[in-house]
């Protein structure tokens, strides 16, 4: 929470949220491991072997997984990793219009629609959006292929809530991230909420969750293993058979909690709360931030 310009740490906000090592069910979207002080810089991946645009590689990841006949993500909203987002949605005293940035396969957007929100879910990957439309048919849920940094066709002040479960950290370049946050701020109505759950570097995980030493070190090693930008191979069990799927590596930014707060504040948001939780939706550790567009 921000009080008089000071970030008040909530600690490792697990609330009985635990996971076993390794945290492998959801494919990691990470790489690189420069060790930094808490929130001072970010760990970034490097991609020397594949210099194609990120949105091209992101779409190829979906195609590779679907061609193998396996889901890209678990889609289990009873899972502990989405408990905080579920709680956020359930405890709002009023519903309203909600936009989901980087919706992936649309499970979180569908959950929001079930809770009574009118949802627009967007993602840059055509295959993901096609899958969403096949899977989810709630009358208050719409899907659209779109770039989160190019939302000029969406009216200003038109949404009450915004969700970001793994979109912000995919925008590695700070200028691109600022453009996205500018759009997020613009499309929210005054008083509207932005809920984000995104990657943090291992040093942030260690500082906020000192009792999770084993998991932190595993996370640090996992980041380092993928620093060469090589393709990622995931293993799935499908009808009693083991299926391996190789997909291109996509970049991710490991922004410290303080840096995430700083970027949101610079975009015009007021950050109400910030903490690191384990497990996350896309990784063992994630920052959960709730910000608001001032009224």
C-alpha atoms as a PDB file:
ATOM      1  CA  UNK A   1       0.000   0.000   0.000  1.00  0.00           C
ATOM      2  CA  UNK A   2       1.151   3.548  -0.611  1.00  0.00           C
ATOM      3  CA  UNK A   3       0.961   5.785   2.423  1.00  0.00           C
ATOM      4  CA  UNK A   4       2.324   9.338   2.233  1.00  0.00           C
ATOM      5  CA  UNK A   5       4.467   8.351  -0.716  1.00  0.00           C
ATOM      6  CA  UNK A   6       5.877   5.281   1.053  1.00  0.00           C
ATOM      7  CA  UNK A   7       5.436   1.728  -0.219  1.00  0.00           C
ATOM      8  CA  UNK A   8       4.182  -0.437   2.628  1.00  0.00           C
ATOM      9  CA  UNK A   9       5.121  -4.097   2.098  1.00  0.00           C
ATOM     10  CA  UNK A  10       2.480  -6.712   2.760  1.00  0.00           C
ATOM     11  CA  UNK A  11       5.069  -9.477   2.963  1.00  0.00           C
ATOM     12  CA  UNK A  12       4.776 -12.660   0.954  1.00  0.00           C
ATOM     13  CA  UNK A  13       1.017 -12.589   0.655  1.00  0.00           C
ATOM     14  CA  UNK A  14       0.238 -16.239   0.267  1.00  0.00           C
ATOM     15  CA  UNK A  15      -2.835 -16.608   2.473  1.00  0.00           C
ATOM     16  CA  UNK A  16      -2.376 -20.385   2.434  1.00  0.00           C
ATOM     17  CA  UNK A  17      -1.274 -20.247  -1.197  1.00  0.00           C
ATOM     18  CA  UNK A  18       1.417 -22.855  -1.713  1.00  0.00           C
ATOM     19  CA  UNK A  19       2.880 -24.875  -4.548  1.00  0.00           C
ATOM     20  CA  UNK A  20       5.258 -27.780  -4.928  1.00  0.00           C
ATOM     21  CA  UNK A  21       8.614 -27.607  -6.653  1.00  0.00           C
ATOM     22  CA  UNK A  22       8.981 -27.513  -9.541  1.00  0.00           C
ATOM     23  CA  UNK A  23       6.164 -25.229 -10.644  1.00  0.00           C
ATOM     24  CA  UNK A  24       5.929 -26.598 -14.183  1.00  0.00           C
ATOM     25  CA  UNK A  25       2.261 -26.839 -15.160  1.00  0.00           C
ATOM     26  CA  UNK A  26       2.105 -23.491 -16.885  1.00  0.00           C
ATOM     27  CA  UNK A  27       4.903 -22.852 -19.394  1.00  0.00           C
ATOM     28  CA  UNK A  28       7.356 -20.269 -18.130  1.00  0.00           C
ATOM     29  CA  UNK A  29       7.653 -17.084 -20.152  1.00  0.00           C
ATOM     30  CA  UNK A  30      11.043 -16.097 -18.852  1.00  0.00           C
ATOM     31  CA  UNK A  31      14.780 -15.949 -19.355  1.00  0.00           C
ATOM     32  CA  UNK A  32      17.963 -14.172 -18.049  1.00  0.00           C
ATOM     33  CA  UNK A  33      19.394 -13.688 -14.621  1.00  0.00           C
ATOM     34  CA  UNK A  34      21.365 -10.603 -13.756  1.00  0.00           C
ATOM     35  CA  UNK A  35      21.353 -10.342  -9.963  1.00  0.00           C
ATOM     36  CA  UNK A  36      20.025  -6.995  -8.821  1.00  0.00           C
ATOM     37  CA  UNK A  37      19.042  -5.162  -5.686  1.00  0.00           C
ATOM     38  CA  UNK A  38      15.373  -5.160  -4.740  1.00  0.00           C
ATOM     39  CA  UNK A  39      13.449  -3.360  -7.460  1.00  0.00           C
ATOM     40  CA  UNK A  40      16.465  -1.444  -8.733  1.00  0.00           C
ATOM     41  CA  UNK A  41      16.646  -2.902 -12.210  1.00  0.00           C
ATOM     42  CA  UNK A  42      15.050  -5.776 -14.052  1.00  0.00           C
ATOM     43  CA  UNK A  43      16.235  -9.155 -15.154  1.00  0.00           C
ATOM     44  CA  UNK A  44      15.675  -9.406 -18.876  1.00  0.00           C
ATOM     45  CA  UNK A  45      15.903 -12.238 -21.299  1.00  0.00           C
ATOM     46  CA  UNK A  46      18.083 -12.131 -24.350  1.00  0.00           C
ATOM     47  CA  UNK A  47      17.069 -13.818 -27.580  1.00  0.00           C
ATOM     48  CA  UNK A  48      20.169 -14.197 -29.761  1.00  0.00           C
ATOM     49  CA  UNK A  49      18.836 -17.204 -31.664  1.00  0.00           C
ATOM     50  CA  UNK A  50      15.435 -15.841 -32.712  1.00  0.00           C
ATOM     51  CA  UNK A  51      15.020 -12.171 -33.580  1.00  0.00           C
ATOM     52  CA  UNK A  52      11.510 -12.351 -34.990  1.00  0.00           C
ATOM     53  CA  UNK A  53       8.903  -9.960 -33.538  1.00  0.00           C
ATOM     54  CA  UNK A  54       7.562 -11.149 -30.205  1.00  0.00           C
ATOM     55  CA  UNK A  55       3.944 -11.320 -31.365  1.00  0.00           C
ATOM     56  CA  UNK A  56       4.986 -13.704 -34.165  1.00  0.00           C
ATOM     57  CA  UNK A  57       6.717 -16.044 -31.719  1.00  0.00           C
ATOM     58  CA  UNK A  58       3.834 -15.773 -29.277  1.00  0.00           C
ATOM     59  CA  UNK A  59       1.365 -16.889 -31.950  1.00  0.00           C
ATOM     60  CA  UNK A  60       3.676 -19.742 -32.957  1.00  0.00           C
ATOM     61  CA  UNK A  61       3.690 -20.990 -29.365  1.00  0.00           C
ATOM     62  CA  UNK A  62      -0.074 -21.376 -29.442  1.00  0.00           C
ATOM     63  CA  UNK A  63      -0.001 -23.077 -32.827  1.00  0.00           C
ATOM     64  CA  UNK A  64       2.627 -25.576 -31.708  1.00  0.00           C
ATOM     65  CA  UNK A  65       0.687 -26.514 -28.594  1.00  0.00           C
ATOM     66  CA  UNK A  66      -2.668 -26.821 -30.344  1.00  0.00           C
ATOM     67  CA  UNK A  67      -1.125 -28.885 -33.151  1.00  0.00           C
ATOM     68  CA  UNK A  68      -0.013 -31.366 -30.485  1.00  0.00           C
ATOM     69  CA  UNK A  69      -3.529 -31.547 -29.104  1.00  0.00           C
ATOM     70  CA  UNK A  70      -2.779 -30.134 -25.660  1.00  0.00           C
ATOM     71  CA  UNK A  71      -4.010 -26.989 -23.865  1.00  0.00           C
ATOM     72  CA  UNK A  72      -1.716 -23.985 -23.580  1.00  0.00           C
ATOM     73  CA  UNK A  73      -2.682 -23.429 -19.928  1.00  0.00           C
ATOM     74  CA  UNK A  74      -4.468 -25.374 -17.226  1.00  0.00           C
ATOM     75  CA  UNK A  75      -7.571 -23.193 -17.126  1.00  0.00           C
ATOM     76  CA  UNK A  76      -8.394 -24.329 -13.592  1.00  0.00           C
ATOM     77  CA  UNK A  77      -9.904 -21.434 -11.713  1.00  0.00           C
ATOM     78  CA  UNK A  78     -10.091 -23.435  -8.535  1.00  0.00           C
ATOM     79  CA  UNK A  79      -6.289 -23.456  -8.553  1.00  0.00           C
ATOM     80  CA  UNK A  80      -4.620 -21.506  -5.775  1.00  0.00           C
ATOM     81  CA  UNK A  81      -2.598 -19.386  -8.200  1.00  0.00           C
ATOM     82  CA  UNK A  82      -5.688 -17.429  -9.270  1.00  0.00           C
ATOM     83  CA  UNK A  83      -7.206 -17.234  -5.790  1.00  0.00           C
ATOM     84  CA  UNK A  84      -6.229 -13.595  -5.320  1.00  0.00           C
ATOM     85  CA  UNK A  85      -7.698 -12.528  -8.649  1.00  0.00           C
ATOM     86  CA  UNK A  86     -10.857 -14.471  -7.859  1.00  0.00           C
ATOM     87  CA  UNK A  87     -11.061 -12.751  -4.475  1.00  0.00           C
ATOM     88  CA  UNK A  88     -10.552  -9.351  -6.089  1.00  0.00           C
ATOM     89  CA  UNK A  89     -13.399  -9.951  -8.542  1.00  0.00           C
ATOM     90  CA  UNK A  90     -15.767 -11.473  -6.001  1.00  0.00           C
ATOM     91  CA  UNK A  91     -15.354  -8.767  -3.369  1.00  0.00           C
ATOM     92  CA  UNK A  92     -16.130  -5.738  -5.519  1.00  0.00           C
ATOM     93  CA  UNK A  93     -19.305  -4.143  -4.193  1.00  0.00           C
ATOM     94  CA  UNK A  94     -20.323  -3.216  -7.735  1.00  0.00           C
ATOM     95  CA  UNK A  95     -19.677  -4.984 -11.018  1.00  0.00           C
ATOM     96  CA  UNK A  96     -19.319  -3.190 -14.334  1.00  0.00           C
ATOM     97  CA  UNK A  97     -17.415  -3.303 -17.590  1.00  0.00           C
ATOM     98  CA  UNK A  98     -14.067  -5.101 -17.483  1.00  0.00           C
ATOM     99  CA  UNK A  99     -11.226  -5.372 -19.993  1.00  0.00           C
ATOM    100  CA  UNK A 100      -8.772  -8.289 -19.823  1.00  0.00           C
ATOM    101  CA  UNK A 101      -5.368  -7.440 -21.326  1.00  0.00           C
ATOM    102  CA  UNK A 102      -3.536 -10.423 -22.832  1.00  0.00           C
ATOM    103  CA  UNK A 103      -6.369 -12.845 -22.116  1.00  0.00           C
ATOM    104  CA  UNK A 104      -4.650 -15.964 -23.499  1.00  0.00           C
ATOM    105  CA  UNK A 105      -7.163 -18.806 -23.587  1.00  0.00           C
ATOM    106  CA  UNK A 106      -9.780 -16.667 -21.852  1.00  0.00           C
ATOM    107  CA  UNK A 107     -10.324 -18.570 -18.616  1.00  0.00           C
ATOM    108  CA  UNK A 108      -9.929 -15.553 -16.334  1.00  0.00           C
ATOM    109  CA  UNK A 109     -12.175 -13.479 -18.586  1.00  0.00           C
ATOM    110  CA  UNK A 110     -14.799 -16.224 -18.453  1.00  0.00           C
ATOM    111  CA  UNK A 111     -14.535 -16.291 -14.663  1.00  0.00           C
ATOM    112  CA  UNK A 112     -15.150 -12.542 -14.554  1.00  0.00           C
ATOM    113  CA  UNK A 113     -18.204 -12.898 -16.791  1.00  0.00           C
ATOM    114  CA  UNK A 114     -19.569 -15.582 -14.476  1.00  0.00           C
ATOM    115  CA  UNK A 115     -19.213 -13.138 -11.573  1.00  0.00           C
ATOM    116  CA  UNK A 116     -21.421 -10.619 -13.368  1.00  0.00           C
ATOM    117  CA  UNK A 117     -18.925  -8.411 -15.223  1.00  0.00           C
ATOM    118  CA  UNK A 118     -19.411  -7.359 -18.843  1.00  0.00           C
ATOM    119  CA  UNK A 119     -16.077  -8.427 -20.318  1.00  0.00           C
ATOM    120  CA  UNK A 120     -13.988  -7.537 -23.346  1.00  0.00           C
ATOM    121  CA  UNK A 121     -10.931  -9.806 -23.539  1.00  0.00           C
ATOM    122  CA  UNK A 122      -8.105  -9.044 -25.951  1.00  0.00           C
ATOM    123  CA  UNK A 123      -4.960 -10.844 -27.057  1.00  0.00           C
ATOM    124  CA  UNK A 124      -2.478 -10.395 -29.898  1.00  0.00           C
ATOM    125  CA  UNK A 125      -2.461 -14.094 -30.870  1.00  0.00           C
ATOM    126  CA  UNK A 126      -5.105 -15.055 -33.476  1.00  0.00           C
ATOM    127  CA  UNK A 127      -4.977 -18.724 -32.446  1.00  0.00           C
ATOM    128  CA  UNK A 128      -5.637 -17.856 -28.820  1.00  0.00           C
ATOM    129  CA  UNK A 129      -8.633 -15.707 -29.704  1.00  0.00           C
ATOM    130  CA  UNK A 130     -10.011 -18.420 -31.989  1.00  0.00           C
ATOM    131  CA  UNK A 131      -9.682 -20.910 -29.130  1.00  0.00           C
ATOM    132  CA  UNK A 132     -11.421 -18.499 -26.751  1.00  0.00           C
ATOM    133  CA  UNK A 133     -14.398 -18.121 -29.058  1.00  0.00           C
ATOM    134  CA  UNK A 134     -14.715 -21.891 -29.368  1.00  0.00           C
ATOM    135  CA  UNK A 135     -14.436 -22.495 -25.629  1.00  0.00           C
ATOM    136  CA  UNK A 136     -16.351 -19.664 -23.948  1.00  0.00           C
ATOM    137  CA  UNK A 137     -19.871 -18.617 -24.878  1.00  0.00           C
ATOM    138  CA  UNK A 138     -21.053 -16.482 -21.968  1.00  0.00           C
ATOM    139  CA  UNK A 139     -23.432 -13.757 -23.241  1.00  0.00           C
ATOM    140  CA  UNK A 140     -21.507 -11.028 -21.411  1.00  0.00           C
ATOM    141  CA  UNK A 141     -18.104 -12.052 -22.769  1.00  0.00           C
ATOM    142  CA  UNK A 142     -16.508 -10.809 -26.004  1.00  0.00           C
ATOM    143  CA  UNK A 143     -13.094 -11.592 -27.466  1.00  0.00           C
ATOM    144  CA  UNK A 144     -11.038  -9.468 -29.830  1.00  0.00           C
ATOM    145  CA  UNK A 145      -7.621  -9.834 -31.419  1.00  0.00           C
ATOM    146  CA  UNK A 146      -5.760  -6.634 -30.668  1.00  0.00           C
ATOM    147  CA  UNK A 147      -2.413  -5.177 -29.669  1.00  0.00           C
ATOM    148  CA  UNK A 148      -2.591  -3.808 -26.117  1.00  0.00           C
ATOM    149  CA  UNK A 149      -0.402  -0.915 -27.247  1.00  0.00           C
ATOM    150  CA  UNK A 150      -2.730   0.025 -30.114  1.00  0.00           C
ATOM    151  CA  UNK A 151      -6.170   0.521 -28.601  1.00  0.00           C
ATOM    152  CA  UNK A 152      -7.199   3.750 -30.251  1.00  0.00           C
ATOM    153  CA  UNK A 153     -10.522   2.268 -31.343  1.00  0.00           C
ATOM    154  CA  UNK A 154     -11.588   1.760 -27.712  1.00  0.00           C
ATOM    155  CA  UNK A 155     -13.296   4.789 -26.213  1.00  0.00           C
ATOM    156  CA  UNK A 156     -11.743   6.607 -23.294  1.00  0.00           C
ATOM    157  CA  UNK A 157     -13.330   6.207 -19.848  1.00  0.00           C
ATOM    158  CA  UNK A 158     -15.272   3.124 -20.980  1.00  0.00           C
ATOM    159  CA  UNK A 159     -14.273   0.409 -18.451  1.00  0.00           C
ATOM    160  CA  UNK A 160     -14.564   0.062 -14.687  1.00  0.00           C
ATOM    161  CA  UNK A 161     -11.951  -2.672 -14.267  1.00  0.00           C
ATOM    162  CA  UNK A 162      -8.870  -3.967 -16.044  1.00  0.00           C
ATOM    163  CA  UNK A 163      -7.136  -7.311 -15.540  1.00  0.00           C
ATOM    164  CA  UNK A 164      -3.528  -8.070 -16.422  1.00  0.00           C
ATOM    165  CA  UNK A 165      -2.381 -11.585 -15.574  1.00  0.00           C
ATOM    166  CA  UNK A 166       0.903 -11.836 -17.424  1.00  0.00           C
ATOM    167  CA  UNK A 167       0.601  -9.113 -20.060  1.00  0.00           C
ATOM    168  CA  UNK A 168       2.737  -6.363 -18.496  1.00  0.00           C
ATOM    169  CA  UNK A 169       5.801  -8.579 -18.118  1.00  0.00           C
ATOM    170  CA  UNK A 170       5.663  -9.577 -21.797  1.00  0.00           C
ATOM    171  CA  UNK A 171       6.343  -5.944 -22.762  1.00  0.00           C
ATOM    172  CA  UNK A 172      10.103  -5.924 -22.323  1.00  0.00           C
ATOM    173  CA  UNK A 173      10.838  -2.459 -23.664  1.00  0.00           C
ATOM    174  CA  UNK A 174       9.916   0.217 -21.120  1.00  0.00           C
ATOM    175  CA  UNK A 175       8.683   2.584 -23.835  1.00  0.00           C
ATOM    176  CA  UNK A 176       6.263  -0.093 -25.041  1.00  0.00           C
ATOM    177  CA  UNK A 177       5.188  -0.824 -21.468  1.00  0.00           C
ATOM    178  CA  UNK A 178       4.521   2.863 -20.867  1.00  0.00           C
ATOM    179  CA  UNK A 179       2.414   3.041 -24.040  1.00  0.00           C
ATOM    180  CA  UNK A 180       0.365   0.073 -22.849  1.00  0.00           C
ATOM    181  CA  UNK A 181      -0.173   1.565 -19.381  1.00  0.00           C
ATOM    182  CA  UNK A 182      -1.163   4.843 -20.997  1.00  0.00           C
ATOM    183  CA  UNK A 183      -3.910   3.046 -22.931  1.00  0.00           C
ATOM    184  CA  UNK A 184      -4.964   1.125 -19.814  1.00  0.00           C
ATOM    185  CA  UNK A 185      -5.287   4.381 -17.899  1.00  0.00           C
ATOM    186  CA  UNK A 186      -7.155   6.077 -20.751  1.00  0.00           C
ATOM    187  CA  UNK A 187      -9.818   3.388 -21.240  1.00  0.00           C
ATOM    188  CA  UNK A 188     -10.599   3.152 -17.517  1.00  0.00           C
ATOM    189  CA  UNK A 189     -13.214   5.443 -16.054  1.00  0.00           C
ATOM    190  CA  UNK A 190     -12.175   7.705 -13.162  1.00  0.00           C
ATOM    191  CA  UNK A 191     -12.084   5.494 -10.079  1.00  0.00           C
ATOM    192  CA  UNK A 192     -11.559   2.379 -12.198  1.00  0.00           C
ATOM    193  CA  UNK A 193      -9.272  -0.426 -10.993  1.00  0.00           C
ATOM    194  CA  UNK A 194      -6.271  -2.093 -12.676  1.00  0.00           C
ATOM    195  CA  UNK A 195      -5.388  -5.510 -11.208  1.00  0.00           C
ATOM    196  CA  UNK A 196      -2.010  -6.889 -12.275  1.00  0.00           C
ATOM    197  CA  UNK A 197      -0.173 -10.133 -11.547  1.00  0.00           C
ATOM    198  CA  UNK A 198       3.232 -10.310 -13.249  1.00  0.00           C
ATOM    199  CA  UNK A 199       6.749 -11.733 -12.973  1.00  0.00           C
ATOM    200  CA  UNK A 200       9.344 -10.507 -10.488  1.00  0.00           C
ATOM    201  CA  UNK A 201      13.106 -11.198 -10.357  1.00  0.00           C
ATOM    202  CA  UNK A 202      14.489 -13.761  -7.962  1.00  0.00           C
ATOM    203  CA  UNK A 203      15.937 -11.074  -5.722  1.00  0.00           C
ATOM    204  CA  UNK A 204      12.485  -9.590  -5.170  1.00  0.00           C
ATOM    205  CA  UNK A 205      11.137 -13.049  -4.442  1.00  0.00           C
ATOM    206  CA  UNK A 206      13.891 -13.581  -1.856  1.00  0.00           C
ATOM    207  CA  UNK A 207      13.294 -10.205  -0.212  1.00  0.00           C
ATOM    208  CA  UNK A 208       9.513 -10.545   0.026  1.00  0.00           C
ATOM    209  CA  UNK A 209       9.414 -14.287   0.742  1.00  0.00           C
ATOM    210  CA  UNK A 210      12.483 -15.066   2.881  1.00  0.00           C
ATOM    211  CA  UNK A 211      10.966 -18.359   4.107  1.00  0.00           C
ATOM    212  CA  UNK A 212      10.843 -19.720   0.527  1.00  0.00           C
ATOM    213  CA  UNK A 213      14.597 -20.128   0.066  1.00  0.00           C
ATOM    214  CA  UNK A 214      14.476 -23.429  -1.812  1.00  0.00           C
ATOM    215  CA  UNK A 215      11.843 -22.237  -4.227  1.00  0.00           C
ATOM    216  CA  UNK A 216      13.642 -18.911  -4.765  1.00  0.00           C
ATOM    217  CA  UNK A 217      16.883 -20.663  -5.701  1.00  0.00           C
ATOM    218  CA  UNK A 218      15.054 -23.004  -8.027  1.00  0.00           C
ATOM    219  CA  UNK A 219      13.465 -19.949  -9.650  1.00  0.00           C
ATOM    220  CA  UNK A 220      16.822 -18.229 -10.003  1.00  0.00           C
ATOM    221  CA  UNK A 221      18.279 -21.330 -11.677  1.00  0.00           C
ATOM    222  CA  UNK A 222      15.279 -21.694 -13.942  1.00  0.00           C
ATOM    223  CA  UNK A 223      15.678 -18.128 -15.157  1.00  0.00           C
ATOM    224  CA  UNK A 224      19.378 -18.660 -15.788  1.00  0.00           C
ATOM    225  CA  UNK A 225      18.779 -21.879 -17.734  1.00  0.00           C
ATOM    226  CA  UNK A 226      16.720 -20.025 -20.314  1.00  0.00           C
ATOM    227  CA  UNK A 227      19.061 -17.055 -20.712  1.00  0.00           C
ATOM    228  CA  UNK A 228      20.278 -18.227 -24.131  1.00  0.00           C
ATOM    229  CA  UNK A 229      16.871 -17.683 -25.731  1.00  0.00           C
ATOM    230  CA  UNK A 230      16.728 -21.271 -26.987  1.00  0.00           C
ATOM    231  CA  UNK A 231      13.371 -22.871 -27.860  1.00  0.00           C
ATOM    232  CA  UNK A 232      11.394 -24.273 -24.937  1.00  0.00           C
ATOM    233  CA  UNK A 233      10.310 -27.898 -24.731  1.00  0.00           C
ATOM    234  CA  UNK A 234       7.340 -28.733 -22.495  1.00  0.00           C
ATOM    235  CA  UNK A 235       6.140 -32.207 -21.604  1.00  0.00           C
ATOM    236  CA  UNK A 236       2.435 -33.064 -21.362  1.00  0.00           C
ATOM    237  CA  UNK A 237       0.542 -36.212 -20.480  1.00  0.00           C
ATOM    238  CA  UNK A 238      -2.240 -36.833 -23.002  1.00  0.00           C
ATOM    239  CA  UNK A 239      -4.419 -39.942 -22.705  1.00  0.00           C
ATOM    240  CA  UNK A 240      -1.645 -41.886 -21.007  1.00  0.00           C
ATOM    241  CA  UNK A 241       1.008 -40.790 -23.489  1.00  0.00           C
ATOM    242  CA  UNK A 242       3.855 -38.337 -23.013  1.00  0.00           C
ATOM    243  CA  UNK A 243       3.845 -35.546 -25.571  1.00  0.00           C
ATOM    244  CA  UNK A 244       6.733 -33.111 -26.019  1.00  0.00           C
ATOM    245  CA  UNK A 245       6.056 -29.722 -27.563  1.00  0.00           C
ATOM    246  CA  UNK A 246       8.870 -27.400 -28.653  1.00  0.00           C
ATOM    247  CA  UNK A 247       7.986 -23.733 -28.938  1.00  0.00           C
ATOM    248  CA  UNK A 248       9.955 -20.540 -29.582  1.00  0.00           C
ATOM    249  CA  UNK A 249      11.263 -18.631 -26.607  1.00  0.00           C
ATOM    250  CA  UNK A 250       9.514 -15.337 -25.932  1.00  0.00           C
ATOM    251  CA  UNK A 251      11.002 -12.427 -24.010  1.00  0.00           C
ATOM    252  CA  UNK A 252       9.886 -11.236 -20.594  1.00  0.00           C
ATOM    253  CA  UNK A 253      10.804  -8.373 -18.287  1.00  0.00           C
ATOM    254  CA  UNK A 254      11.483  -9.100 -14.649  1.00  0.00           C
ATOM    255  CA  UNK A 255      10.586  -5.746 -13.127  1.00  0.00           C
ATOM    256  CA  UNK A 256      10.970  -5.298  -9.415  1.00  0.00           C
ATOM    257  CA  UNK A 257       7.926  -4.340  -7.383  1.00  0.00           C
ATOM    258  CA  UNK A 258       9.135  -0.780  -6.933  1.00  0.00           C
ATOM    259  CA  UNK A 259       9.732  -0.400 -10.643  1.00  0.00           C
ATOM    260  CA  UNK A 260       6.242  -1.687 -11.443  1.00  0.00           C
ATOM    261  CA  UNK A 261       4.805   0.793  -8.958  1.00  0.00           C
ATOM    262  CA  UNK A 262       6.882   3.571 -10.540  1.00  0.00           C
ATOM    263  CA  UNK A 263       5.652   2.828 -14.072  1.00  0.00           C
ATOM    264  CA  UNK A 264       2.037   2.685 -12.965  1.00  0.00           C
ATOM    265  CA  UNK A 265       2.381   5.943 -11.066  1.00  0.00           C
ATOM    266  CA  UNK A 266       4.007   7.632 -14.058  1.00  0.00           C
ATOM    267  CA  UNK A 267       1.027   6.543 -16.183  1.00  0.00           C
ATOM    268  CA  UNK A 268      -1.321   8.353 -13.803  1.00  0.00           C
ATOM    269  CA  UNK A 269      -2.434   5.492 -11.560  1.00  0.00           C
ATOM    270  CA  UNK A 270      -2.584   5.523  -7.782  1.00  0.00           C
ATOM    271  CA  UNK A 271      -1.249   2.215  -6.461  1.00  0.00           C
ATOM    272  CA  UNK A 272      -3.374   0.946  -3.584  1.00  0.00           C
ATOM    273  CA  UNK A 273      -1.431  -2.226  -2.770  1.00  0.00           C
ATOM    274  CA  UNK A 274       1.604  -4.216  -3.886  1.00  0.00           C
ATOM    275  CA  UNK A 275       3.000  -7.551  -2.748  1.00  0.00           C
ATOM    276  CA  UNK A 276       4.744 -10.697  -3.956  1.00  0.00           C
ATOM    277  CA  UNK A 277       2.863 -14.000  -3.826  1.00  0.00           C
ATOM    278  CA  UNK A 278       3.714 -17.642  -4.380  1.00  0.00           C
ATOM    279  CA  UNK A 279       2.724 -19.420  -6.521  1.00  0.00           C
ATOM    280  CA  UNK A 280       1.780 -17.137  -9.376  1.00  0.00           C
ATOM    281  CA  UNK A 281      -0.306 -17.722 -12.465  1.00  0.00           C
ATOM    282  CA  UNK A 282       2.691 -17.942 -14.813  1.00  0.00           C
ATOM    283  CA  UNK A 283       5.582 -18.557 -12.425  1.00  0.00           C
ATOM    284  CA  UNK A 284       6.450 -19.467  -8.816  1.00  0.00           C
ATOM    285  CA  UNK A 285       6.611 -15.798  -7.756  1.00  0.00           C
ATOM    286  CA  UNK A 286       4.636 -12.807  -8.988  1.00  0.00           C
ATOM    287  CA  UNK A 287       3.918  -9.256  -7.956  1.00  0.00           C
ATOM    288  CA  UNK A 288       0.244  -8.529  -7.348  1.00  0.00           C
ATOM    289  CA  UNK A 289      -0.591  -4.856  -7.701  1.00  0.00           C
ATOM    290  CA  UNK A 290      -3.936  -3.108  -7.420  1.00  0.00           C
ATOM    291  CA  UNK A 291      -4.008   0.407  -8.841  1.00  0.00           C
ATOM    292  CA  UNK A 292      -6.755   2.930  -9.422  1.00  0.00           C
ATOM    293  CA  UNK A 293      -7.355   5.765 -11.859  1.00  0.00           C
ATOM    294  CA  UNK A 294      -7.990   8.806  -9.657  1.00  0.00           C
ATOM    295  CA  UNK A 295     -11.525  10.132  -9.659  1.00  0.00           C
END
